[in-house]
Amino acid sequence: MTPGSRNRSEGWRYAKLDGHANEKQFAESLIRNEEFISAIEKYVTKRSPKGFPEISVDGAKHVDSILGDKTTSKVDLALNWSGGEQINISLKKSNSGQVWLISVPRFISAIEFHLNRKLDLEIQIGLSLFIGGTNLSQYEDYFKQALDFDKKKTPSIAAQELHQSRLVAKSIDSNFPAIWAATLDFFSTNIGLITKLSFAQGLAKSEKDAADVIIYNKAVGGQSIFPISRIIENAILHNKSDPVTAGPRNGGSTLQLPTGFLQMHHPQGDNLLQFHHQYKKISNL
C-alpha cells in the first residue's frame, strides 16, 4: 500500500463527518496510521485492496430493517477502496458495555425471521419471564405463582423480582424447569446467530449494513482487532464445552454468554434485553 495512491488528508476530506466524537477521533487516527489499516485488511480480507481507502463515519446511521421499519446500523466506520472493496467497523471505546439493546417482541421476530420458523411457546414464556415488564401481560399467572413461592423461600429475591417486574433464573427453574431448560437450550443452540445479530447485524436487512470487524480502539495492550466471523465461530466452539448458563449472583439475574452476558435493562419505559460485550471473554475465545 502506498501513501501516494490517496493522500491521507484527501481521504479525510472525502469522509462523512456525521459520526460521534469517538468515531471521528478514531477516523482521524486511521488517516495517519497506514500500518493499522493494513492490519484491518489482514484480519478481514484475503487480499489487500489497492490504494488507500476513503474513511467514512456513519455514526448512528438508520438503515432498513428486516421488520419493515428502520433500525440503527452497528457500523461506526467504513473503509472504502476505489475497487469496490469495503470493510465495516464497529468501535468499542471501553472493554465492556452494551452491544445490543432490544425488546422481547422484536428479538423474537428477528430470531424467527432468520430461523424461518416460530419459536416454541416455552422459549417465549421463558424469555418473557426473565425480562419481564409488559412482557408479563400474557403470563401473569406464571409470575404470580413463582413470586408467591419466592416470598416464602427467598424473600430477598422476591423483593428484587417484584421491584424489577421479572423473574430471575433460579425462580423460573424452580417453578417451571421445562420452560427454563428450553430457554437455556435456545440460547446455546442459536449462539452463533445471536452473536452475529449482537455484534454485526442487529435488525439490519442488508449485509452491506452489517459490521465486519470490531475494534477496541481504547484497549490498553493486547489485540484490538476482532473479525466478527471469527468471534461467531469461536463462540460456537466455546459453547459446546461451556453452554449458556445463568450468572451466579442474585438468583441468576444474567445469562453468561461466550462474548459477555445478557441482562434485563429498564432504561425508560419497558424492560428490554441488554446484551453486553466483554473484551476479556472475546480475547480469550
C-alpha atoms as a PDB file:
ATOM      1  CA  MET A   1       0.000   0.000   0.000  1.00  0.00           C
ATOM      2  CA  THR A   2       1.465   3.335  -0.985  1.00  0.00           C
ATOM      3  CA  PRO A   3       0.590   6.702   0.520  1.00  0.00           C
ATOM      4  CA  GLY A   4       0.613   8.219  -2.954  1.00  0.00           C
ATOM      5  CA  SER A   5      -2.462   6.314  -4.120  1.00  0.00           C
ATOM      6  CA  ARG A   6      -4.587   8.564  -1.930  1.00  0.00           C
ATOM      7  CA  ASN A   7      -3.215  11.276   0.247  1.00  0.00           C
ATOM      8  CA  ARG A   8      -4.414  10.777   3.849  1.00  0.00           C
ATOM      9  CA  SER A   9      -5.779  14.297   4.213  1.00  0.00           C
ATOM     10  CA  GLU A  10      -7.583  13.879   0.895  1.00  0.00           C
ATOM     11  CA  GLY A  11      -9.124  10.680   2.231  1.00  0.00           C
ATOM     12  CA  TRP A  12     -10.390  12.598   5.243  1.00  0.00           C
ATOM     13  CA  ARG A  13     -11.817  15.335   3.001  1.00  0.00           C
ATOM     14  CA  TYR A  14     -13.988  12.677   1.398  1.00  0.00           C
ATOM     15  CA  ALA A  15     -15.097  11.267   4.729  1.00  0.00           C
ATOM     16  CA  LYS A  16     -18.553  11.941   6.114  1.00  0.00           C
ATOM     17  CA  LEU A  17     -18.499  13.906   9.345  1.00  0.00           C
ATOM     18  CA  ASP A  18     -21.813  12.972  10.955  1.00  0.00           C
ATOM     19  CA  GLY A  19     -20.393  10.439  13.433  1.00  0.00           C
ATOM     20  CA  HIS A  20     -19.948  10.647  17.177  1.00  0.00           C
ATOM     21  CA  ALA A  21     -16.812  12.132  18.715  1.00  0.00           C
ATOM     22  CA  ASN A  22     -15.207   8.736  19.339  1.00  0.00           C
ATOM     23  CA  GLU A  23     -15.694   7.682  15.722  1.00  0.00           C
ATOM     24  CA  LYS A  24     -14.320  10.974  14.373  1.00  0.00           C
ATOM     25  CA  GLN A  25     -11.304  10.801  16.621  1.00  0.00           C
ATOM     26  CA  PHE A  26     -10.544   7.232  15.578  1.00  0.00           C
ATOM     27  CA  ALA A  27     -11.070   8.020  11.878  1.00  0.00           C
ATOM     28  CA  GLU A  28      -8.567  10.856  12.152  1.00  0.00           C
ATOM     29  CA  SER A  29      -6.058   8.482  13.743  1.00  0.00           C
ATOM     30  CA  LEU A  30      -6.609   5.950  10.913  1.00  0.00           C
ATOM     31  CA  ILE A  31      -5.682   8.577   8.327  1.00  0.00           C
ATOM     32  CA  ARG A  32      -2.275   8.838   9.970  1.00  0.00           C
ATOM     33  CA  ASN A  33      -1.859   5.096  10.553  1.00  0.00           C
ATOM     34  CA  GLU A  34      -1.417   3.135   7.355  1.00  0.00           C
ATOM     35  CA  GLU A  35       0.005   0.202   9.334  1.00  0.00           C
ATOM     36  CA  PHE A  36      -3.220  -0.194  11.330  1.00  0.00           C
ATOM     37  CA  ILE A  37      -5.341  -0.124   8.169  1.00  0.00           C
ATOM     38  CA  SER A  38      -3.096  -2.859   6.781  1.00  0.00           C
ATOM     39  CA  ALA A  39      -3.741  -4.868   9.947  1.00  0.00           C
ATOM     40  CA  ILE A  40      -7.506  -4.463   9.498  1.00  0.00           C
ATOM     41  CA  GLU A  41      -7.189  -5.672   5.899  1.00  0.00           C
ATOM     42  CA  LYS A  42      -5.199  -8.701   7.024  1.00  0.00           C
ATOM     43  CA  TYR A  43      -7.824  -9.733   9.552  1.00  0.00           C
ATOM     44  CA  VAL A  44     -10.823  -9.277   7.277  1.00  0.00           C
ATOM     45  CA  THR A  45      -9.797  -9.672   3.617  1.00  0.00           C
ATOM     46  CA  LYS A  46      -7.927 -12.434   1.793  1.00  0.00           C
ATOM     47  CA  ARG A  47      -6.138  -9.990  -0.491  1.00  0.00           C
ATOM     48  CA  SER A  48      -5.189  -6.399   0.244  1.00  0.00           C
ATOM     49  CA  PRO A  49      -7.086  -3.888  -1.919  1.00  0.00           C
ATOM     50  CA  LYS A  50      -5.073  -1.421  -3.958  1.00  0.00           C
ATOM     51  CA  GLY A  51      -4.582   2.122  -2.776  1.00  0.00           C
ATOM     52  CA  PHE A  52      -5.614   3.887   0.409  1.00  0.00           C
ATOM     53  CA  PRO A  53      -9.303   3.760   1.424  1.00  0.00           C
ATOM     54  CA  GLU A  54     -11.695   6.600   1.943  1.00  0.00           C
ATOM     55  CA  ILE A  55     -12.856   6.590   5.562  1.00  0.00           C
ATOM     56  CA  SER A  56     -16.494   7.388   6.255  1.00  0.00           C
ATOM     57  CA  VAL A  57     -18.002   7.979   9.691  1.00  0.00           C
ATOM     58  CA  ASP A  58     -21.530   6.596   9.879  1.00  0.00           C
ATOM     59  CA  GLY A  59     -22.376   7.467  13.469  1.00  0.00           C
ATOM     60  CA  ALA A  60     -25.899   6.391  14.405  1.00  0.00           C
ATOM     61  CA  LYS A  61     -26.978   5.663  10.840  1.00  0.00           C
ATOM     62  CA  HIS A  62     -30.532   4.413  10.296  1.00  0.00           C
ATOM     63  CA  VAL A  63     -30.985   1.628   7.748  1.00  0.00           C
ATOM     64  CA  ASP A  64     -33.782  -0.653   6.507  1.00  0.00           C
ATOM     65  CA  SER A  65     -34.656  -3.416   8.959  1.00  0.00           C
ATOM     66  CA  ILE A  66     -35.882  -6.989   8.494  1.00  0.00           C
ATOM     67  CA  LEU A  67     -39.113  -5.908  10.211  1.00  0.00           C
ATOM     68  CA  GLY A  68     -40.012  -3.337   7.552  1.00  0.00           C
ATOM     69  CA  ASP A  69     -39.035  -0.246   9.527  1.00  0.00           C
ATOM     70  CA  LYS A  70     -35.740   1.487  10.301  1.00  0.00           C
ATOM     71  CA  THR A  71     -33.011   0.344  12.676  1.00  0.00           C
ATOM     72  CA  THR A  72     -29.671   1.700  13.829  1.00  0.00           C
ATOM     73  CA  SER A  73     -26.712   0.186  11.993  1.00  0.00           C
ATOM     74  CA  LYS A  74     -23.898  -1.351  14.015  1.00  0.00           C
ATOM     75  CA  VAL A  75     -21.367   0.167  11.615  1.00  0.00           C
ATOM     76  CA  ASP A  76     -19.453   3.134  13.051  1.00  0.00           C
ATOM     77  CA  LEU A  77     -16.807   3.494  10.331  1.00  0.00           C
ATOM     78  CA  ALA A  78     -16.469   2.180   6.790  1.00  0.00           C
ATOM     79  CA  LEU A  79     -13.269   1.788   4.780  1.00  0.00           C
ATOM     80  CA  ASN A  80     -13.987   2.033   1.038  1.00  0.00           C
ATOM     81  CA  TRP A  81     -11.447   1.327  -1.703  1.00  0.00           C
ATOM     82  CA  SER A  82     -11.660   2.505  -5.297  1.00  0.00           C
ATOM     83  CA  GLY A  83     -12.006  -1.112  -6.495  1.00  0.00           C
ATOM     84  CA  GLY A  84     -15.286  -1.502  -4.581  1.00  0.00           C
ATOM     85  CA  GLU A  85     -13.888  -3.285  -1.527  1.00  0.00           C
ATOM     86  CA  GLN A  86     -15.414  -2.271   1.810  1.00  0.00           C
ATOM     87  CA  ILE A  87     -14.758  -3.095   5.447  1.00  0.00           C
ATOM     88  CA  ASN A  88     -17.318  -2.031   8.050  1.00  0.00           C
ATOM     89  CA  ILE A  89     -16.070  -1.341  11.556  1.00  0.00           C
ATOM     90  CA  SER A  90     -17.862  -1.359  14.906  1.00  0.00           C
ATOM     91  CA  LEU A  91     -15.900   0.555  17.528  1.00  0.00           C
ATOM     92  CA  LYS A  92     -15.809  -0.329  21.212  1.00  0.00           C
ATOM     93  CA  LYS A  93     -14.413   2.512  23.291  1.00  0.00           C
ATOM     94  CA  SER A  94     -14.423   0.546  26.558  1.00  0.00           C
ATOM     95  CA  ASN A  95     -13.537  -3.031  27.493  1.00  0.00           C
ATOM     96  CA  SER A  96     -17.135  -3.868  28.373  1.00  0.00           C
ATOM     97  CA  GLY A  97     -20.546  -2.419  27.757  1.00  0.00           C
ATOM     98  CA  GLN A  98     -23.786  -2.641  25.839  1.00  0.00           C
ATOM     99  CA  VAL A  99     -23.613  -4.175  22.382  1.00  0.00           C
ATOM    100  CA  TRP A 100     -27.331  -4.702  21.623  1.00  0.00           C
ATOM    101  CA  LEU A 101     -30.496  -3.397  23.295  1.00  0.00           C
ATOM    102  CA  ILE A 102     -33.798  -4.773  22.041  1.00  0.00           C
ATOM    103  CA  SER A 103     -37.352  -5.509  23.165  1.00  0.00           C
ATOM    104  CA  VAL A 104     -38.553  -9.081  23.619  1.00  0.00           C
ATOM    105  CA  PRO A 105     -41.093  -8.945  20.739  1.00  0.00           C
ATOM    106  CA  ARG A 106     -38.518  -7.537  18.285  1.00  0.00           C
ATOM    107  CA  PHE A 107     -35.894 -10.030  19.433  1.00  0.00           C
ATOM    108  CA  ILE A 108     -38.304 -12.937  18.920  1.00  0.00           C
ATOM    109  CA  SER A 109     -39.316 -11.561  15.498  1.00  0.00           C
ATOM    110  CA  ALA A 110     -35.650 -11.263  14.484  1.00  0.00           C
ATOM    111  CA  ILE A 111     -34.856 -14.832  15.528  1.00  0.00           C
ATOM    112  CA  GLU A 112     -37.960 -16.179  13.786  1.00  0.00           C
ATOM    113  CA  PHE A 113     -37.056 -14.259  10.631  1.00  0.00           C
ATOM    114  CA  HIS A 114     -33.594 -15.807  10.465  1.00  0.00           C
ATOM    115  CA  LEU A 115     -34.684 -19.312  11.524  1.00  0.00           C
ATOM    116  CA  ASN A 116     -37.745 -19.132   9.262  1.00  0.00           C
ATOM    117  CA  ARG A 117     -39.950 -20.697  11.924  1.00  0.00           C
ATOM    118  CA  LYS A 118     -41.876 -19.825  15.053  1.00  0.00           C
ATOM    119  CA  LEU A 119     -40.168 -20.087  18.416  1.00  0.00           C
ATOM    120  CA  ASP A 120     -41.590 -22.703  20.752  1.00  0.00           C
ATOM    121  CA  LEU A 121     -44.037 -21.314  23.290  1.00  0.00           C
ATOM    122  CA  GLU A 122     -41.850 -22.492  26.189  1.00  0.00           C
ATOM    123  CA  ILE A 123     -38.995 -20.316  24.936  1.00  0.00           C
ATOM    124  CA  GLN A 124     -41.258 -17.304  24.500  1.00  0.00           C
ATOM    125  CA  ILE A 125     -42.553 -17.754  28.045  1.00  0.00           C
ATOM    126  CA  GLY A 126     -39.038 -18.173  29.454  1.00  0.00           C
ATOM    127  CA  LEU A 127     -37.789 -15.011  27.726  1.00  0.00           C
ATOM    128  CA  SER A 128     -40.834 -13.049  28.833  1.00  0.00           C
ATOM    129  CA  LEU A 129     -40.498 -14.114  32.476  1.00  0.00           C
ATOM    130  CA  PHE A 130     -36.748 -13.464  32.584  1.00  0.00           C
ATOM    131  CA  ILE A 131     -37.003  -9.969  31.058  1.00  0.00           C
ATOM    132  CA  GLY A 132     -40.411  -9.094  32.474  1.00  0.00           C
ATOM    133  CA  GLY A 133     -42.155  -5.724  32.291  1.00  0.00           C
ATOM    134  CA  THR A 134     -45.059  -5.597  29.857  1.00  0.00           C
ATOM    135  CA  ASN A 135     -43.894  -8.968  28.514  1.00  0.00           C
ATOM    136  CA  LEU A 136     -45.597 -10.499  31.560  1.00  0.00           C
ATOM    137  CA  SER A 137     -49.054  -9.431  30.372  1.00  0.00           C
ATOM    138  CA  GLN A 138     -49.790 -12.861  28.866  1.00  0.00           C
ATOM    139  CA  TYR A 139     -48.036 -14.769  31.642  1.00  0.00           C
ATOM    140  CA  GLU A 140     -49.197 -13.111  34.874  1.00  0.00           C
ATOM    141  CA  ASP A 141     -50.204 -16.485  36.371  1.00  0.00           C
ATOM    142  CA  TYR A 142     -46.656 -17.808  35.931  1.00  0.00           C
ATOM    143  CA  PHE A 143     -45.187 -14.688  37.510  1.00  0.00           C
ATOM    144  CA  LYS A 144     -47.568 -14.726  40.485  1.00  0.00           C
ATOM    145  CA  GLN A 145     -47.005 -18.437  41.151  1.00  0.00           C
ATOM    146  CA  ALA A 146     -43.228 -18.061  41.226  1.00  0.00           C
ATOM    147  CA  LEU A 147     -43.336 -14.826  43.220  1.00  0.00           C
ATOM    148  CA  ASP A 148     -45.557 -16.400  45.909  1.00  0.00           C
ATOM    149  CA  PHE A 149     -43.103 -19.307  46.169  1.00  0.00           C
ATOM    150  CA  ASP A 150     -40.100 -16.967  46.433  1.00  0.00           C
ATOM    151  CA  LYS A 151     -41.749 -14.823  49.128  1.00  0.00           C
ATOM    152  CA  LYS A 152     -41.743 -17.913  51.359  1.00  0.00           C
ATOM    153  CA  LYS A 153     -38.363 -19.407  50.368  1.00  0.00           C
ATOM    154  CA  THR A 154     -36.191 -16.431  49.331  1.00  0.00           C
ATOM    155  CA  PRO A 155     -37.868 -13.162  50.358  1.00  0.00           C
ATOM    156  CA  SER A 156     -34.911 -11.009  49.327  1.00  0.00           C
ATOM    157  CA  ILE A 157     -35.032 -12.379  45.769  1.00  0.00           C
ATOM    158  CA  ALA A 158     -38.828 -11.990  45.732  1.00  0.00           C
ATOM    159  CA  ALA A 159     -38.445  -8.319  46.681  1.00  0.00           C
ATOM    160  CA  GLN A 160     -35.985  -7.836  43.819  1.00  0.00           C
ATOM    161  CA  GLU A 161     -38.298  -9.607  41.367  1.00  0.00           C
ATOM    162  CA  LEU A 162     -41.286  -7.546  42.438  1.00  0.00           C
ATOM    163  CA  HIS A 163     -39.288  -4.322  42.124  1.00  0.00           C
ATOM    164  CA  GLN A 164     -37.954  -5.269  38.671  1.00  0.00           C
ATOM    165  CA  SER A 165     -41.197  -6.882  37.492  1.00  0.00           C
ATOM    166  CA  ARG A 166     -39.371 -10.011  36.312  1.00  0.00           C
ATOM    167  CA  LEU A 167     -38.188 -13.438  37.492  1.00  0.00           C
ATOM    168  CA  VAL A 168     -34.584 -14.487  37.921  1.00  0.00           C
ATOM    169  CA  ALA A 169     -33.225 -17.776  36.612  1.00  0.00           C
ATOM    170  CA  LYS A 170     -33.467 -19.681  39.911  1.00  0.00           C
ATOM    171  CA  SER A 171     -37.159 -18.843  40.243  1.00  0.00           C
ATOM    172  CA  ILE A 172     -38.051 -19.898  36.711  1.00  0.00           C
ATOM    173  CA  ASP A 173     -36.030 -23.106  37.058  1.00  0.00           C
ATOM    174  CA  SER A 174     -37.577 -23.966  40.442  1.00  0.00           C
ATOM    175  CA  ASN A 175     -41.153 -23.391  39.329  1.00  0.00           C
ATOM    176  CA  PHE A 176     -41.044 -24.187  35.615  1.00  0.00           C
ATOM    177  CA  PRO A 177     -37.976 -26.378  34.967  1.00  0.00           C
ATOM    178  CA  ALA A 178     -39.025 -27.442  31.451  1.00  0.00           C
ATOM    179  CA  ILE A 179     -39.511 -23.799  30.411  1.00  0.00           C
ATOM    180  CA  TRP A 180     -36.119 -22.757  31.759  1.00  0.00           C
ATOM    181  CA  ALA A 181     -34.339 -25.753  30.227  1.00  0.00           C
ATOM    182  CA  ALA A 182     -35.862 -24.903  26.837  1.00  0.00           C
ATOM    183  CA  THR A 183     -34.822 -21.256  27.204  1.00  0.00           C
ATOM    184  CA  LEU A 184     -31.209 -22.114  28.021  1.00  0.00           C
ATOM    185  CA  ASP A 185     -31.121 -24.655  25.193  1.00  0.00           C
ATOM    186  CA  PHE A 186     -32.420 -21.987  22.794  1.00  0.00           C
ATOM    187  CA  PHE A 187     -29.521 -19.656  23.614  1.00  0.00           C
ATOM    188  CA  SER A 188     -26.953 -22.450  23.391  1.00  0.00           C
ATOM    189  CA  THR A 189     -28.323 -23.854  20.121  1.00  0.00           C
ATOM    190  CA  ASN A 190     -28.516 -20.431  18.476  1.00  0.00           C
ATOM    191  CA  ILE A 191     -25.428 -18.813  19.982  1.00  0.00           C
ATOM    192  CA  GLY A 192     -23.905 -18.257  16.525  1.00  0.00           C
ATOM    193  CA  LEU A 193     -26.936 -16.350  15.237  1.00  0.00           C
ATOM    194  CA  ILE A 194     -27.332 -14.402  18.480  1.00  0.00           C
ATOM    195  CA  THR A 195     -23.644 -13.421  18.374  1.00  0.00           C
ATOM    196  CA  LYS A 196     -23.972 -12.315  14.739  1.00  0.00           C
ATOM    197  CA  LEU A 197     -27.033 -10.177  15.465  1.00  0.00           C
ATOM    198  CA  SER A 198     -25.498  -8.694  18.624  1.00  0.00           C
ATOM    199  CA  PHE A 199     -22.189  -7.658  17.065  1.00  0.00           C
ATOM    200  CA  ALA A 200     -22.628  -7.433  13.302  1.00  0.00           C
ATOM    201  CA  GLN A 201     -26.159  -7.007  12.092  1.00  0.00           C
ATOM    202  CA  GLY A 202     -28.768  -6.229  14.698  1.00  0.00           C
ATOM    203  CA  LEU A 203     -32.012  -5.872  12.752  1.00  0.00           C
ATOM    204  CA  ALA A 204     -30.343  -4.569   9.574  1.00  0.00           C
ATOM    205  CA  LYS A 205     -31.829  -6.084   6.420  1.00  0.00           C
ATOM    206  CA  SER A 206     -28.781  -5.795   4.168  1.00  0.00           C
ATOM    207  CA  GLU A 207     -25.429  -7.453   4.815  1.00  0.00           C
ATOM    208  CA  LYS A 208     -23.895  -4.229   3.467  1.00  0.00           C
ATOM    209  CA  ASP A 209     -25.125  -2.548   6.646  1.00  0.00           C
ATOM    210  CA  ALA A 210     -23.512  -5.153   8.904  1.00  0.00           C
ATOM    211  CA  ALA A 211     -20.174  -4.768  10.667  1.00  0.00           C
ATOM    212  CA  ASP A 212     -17.253  -6.976   9.597  1.00  0.00           C
ATOM    213  CA  VAL A 213     -14.902  -6.291  12.480  1.00  0.00           C
ATOM    214  CA  ILE A 214     -14.990  -4.862  15.983  1.00  0.00           C
ATOM    215  CA  ILE A 215     -12.116  -2.731  17.192  1.00  0.00           C
ATOM    216  CA  TYR A 216     -11.379  -1.891  20.804  1.00  0.00           C
ATOM    217  CA  ASN A 217      -9.848   1.435  19.932  1.00  0.00           C
ATOM    218  CA  LYS A 218      -9.080   2.374  23.535  1.00  0.00           C
ATOM    219  CA  ALA A 219      -7.952  -1.019  24.796  1.00  0.00           C
ATOM    220  CA  VAL A 220      -4.590  -0.890  26.551  1.00  0.00           C
ATOM    221  CA  GLY A 221      -2.223  -3.504  25.159  1.00  0.00           C
ATOM    222  CA  GLY A 222      -3.169  -6.826  23.578  1.00  0.00           C
ATOM    223  CA  GLN A 223      -5.132  -7.473  20.420  1.00  0.00           C
ATOM    224  CA  SER A 224      -7.639  -4.803  19.435  1.00  0.00           C
ATOM    225  CA  ILE A 225      -8.988  -6.044  16.071  1.00  0.00           C
ATOM    226  CA  PHE A 226     -11.508  -8.913  16.053  1.00  0.00           C
ATOM    227  CA  PRO A 227     -13.187 -10.164  12.845  1.00  0.00           C
ATOM    228  CA  ILE A 228     -16.804 -10.861  13.742  1.00  0.00           C
ATOM    229  CA  SER A 229     -16.890 -14.041  11.640  1.00  0.00           C
ATOM    230  CA  ARG A 230     -14.132 -15.434  13.863  1.00  0.00           C
ATOM    231  CA  ILE A 231     -15.935 -14.316  17.024  1.00  0.00           C
ATOM    232  CA  ILE A 232     -19.010 -16.231  15.864  1.00  0.00           C
ATOM    233  CA  GLU A 233     -17.041 -19.379  15.041  1.00  0.00           C
ATOM    234  CA  ASN A 234     -15.219 -19.297  18.369  1.00  0.00           C
ATOM    235  CA  ALA A 235     -18.422 -18.609  20.316  1.00  0.00           C
ATOM    236  CA  ILE A 236     -19.987 -21.736  18.801  1.00  0.00           C
ATOM    237  CA  LEU A 237     -16.904 -23.825  19.653  1.00  0.00           C
ATOM    238  CA  HIS A 238     -16.741 -22.421  23.185  1.00  0.00           C
ATOM    239  CA  ASN A 239     -20.426 -23.104  23.759  1.00  0.00           C
ATOM    240  CA  LYS A 240     -20.013 -26.817  23.010  1.00  0.00           C
ATOM    241  CA  SER A 241     -17.921 -27.275  26.145  1.00  0.00           C
ATOM    242  CA  ASP A 242     -19.398 -24.418  28.176  1.00  0.00           C
ATOM    243  CA  PRO A 243     -23.115 -23.941  27.338  1.00  0.00           C
ATOM    244  CA  VAL A 244     -25.056 -20.822  28.238  1.00  0.00           C
ATOM    245  CA  THR A 245     -25.950 -20.727  31.919  1.00  0.00           C
ATOM    246  CA  ALA A 246     -27.310 -18.255  34.446  1.00  0.00           C
ATOM    247  CA  GLY A 247     -24.965 -15.976  36.345  1.00  0.00           C
ATOM    248  CA  PRO A 248     -24.162 -16.804  39.983  1.00  0.00           C
ATOM    249  CA  ARG A 249     -25.439 -13.613  41.601  1.00  0.00           C
ATOM    250  CA  ASN A 250     -28.904 -12.573  42.816  1.00  0.00           C
ATOM    251  CA  GLY A 251     -30.536 -15.863  41.930  1.00  0.00           C
ATOM    252  CA  GLY A 252     -29.269 -15.691  38.364  1.00  0.00           C
ATOM    253  CA  SER A 253     -30.137 -12.223  37.081  1.00  0.00           C
ATOM    254  CA  THR A 254     -27.937 -12.605  33.977  1.00  0.00           C
ATOM    255  CA  LEU A 255     -27.171 -15.178  31.319  1.00  0.00           C
ATOM    256  CA  GLN A 256     -23.471 -15.807  30.789  1.00  0.00           C
ATOM    257  CA  LEU A 257     -22.544 -15.855  27.084  1.00  0.00           C
ATOM    258  CA  PRO A 258     -19.212 -16.667  25.380  1.00  0.00           C
ATOM    259  CA  THR A 259     -18.763 -12.992  24.441  1.00  0.00           C
ATOM    260  CA  GLY A 260     -20.262 -11.331  27.517  1.00  0.00           C
ATOM    261  CA  PHE A 261     -23.655 -11.598  29.155  1.00  0.00           C
ATOM    262  CA  LEU A 262     -27.357 -10.827  28.812  1.00  0.00           C
ATOM    263  CA  GLN A 263     -29.316  -8.930  31.433  1.00  0.00           C
ATOM    264  CA  MET A 264     -32.651  -7.221  31.830  1.00  0.00           C
ATOM    265  CA  HIS A 265     -32.393  -3.473  31.360  1.00  0.00           C
ATOM    266  CA  HIS A 266     -35.021  -0.885  32.210  1.00  0.00           C
ATOM    267  CA  PRO A 267     -33.755   2.373  30.682  1.00  0.00           C
ATOM    268  CA  GLN A 268     -37.069   4.166  30.181  1.00  0.00           C
ATOM    269  CA  GLY A 269     -40.475   2.590  29.942  1.00  0.00           C
ATOM    270  CA  ASP A 270     -40.313  -1.156  29.385  1.00  0.00           C
ATOM    271  CA  ASN A 271     -37.884  -3.947  30.292  1.00  0.00           C
ATOM    272  CA  LEU A 272     -35.516  -4.810  27.439  1.00  0.00           C
ATOM    273  CA  LEU A 273     -32.877  -7.425  26.611  1.00  0.00           C
ATOM    274  CA  GLN A 274     -29.439  -5.866  27.030  1.00  0.00           C
ATOM    275  CA  PHE A 275     -26.529  -7.824  25.533  1.00  0.00           C
ATOM    276  CA  HIS A 276     -23.095  -6.896  26.870  1.00  0.00           C
ATOM    277  CA  HIS A 277     -19.697  -7.424  25.279  1.00  0.00           C
ATOM    278  CA  GLN A 278     -16.600  -8.136  27.371  1.00  0.00           C
ATOM    279  CA  TYR A 279     -13.106  -7.721  25.948  1.00  0.00           C
ATOM    280  CA  LYS A 280     -11.690 -10.322  28.325  1.00  0.00           C
ATOM    281  CA  LYS A 281     -14.073 -13.033  27.121  1.00  0.00           C
ATOM    282  CA  ILE A 282     -13.721 -12.134  23.431  1.00  0.00           C
ATOM    283  CA  SER A 283      -9.927 -12.051  23.557  1.00  0.00           C
ATOM    284  CA  ASN A 284      -9.907 -15.461  25.251  1.00  0.00           C
ATOM    285  CA  LEU A 285     -12.160 -17.166  22.710  1.00  0.00           C
END
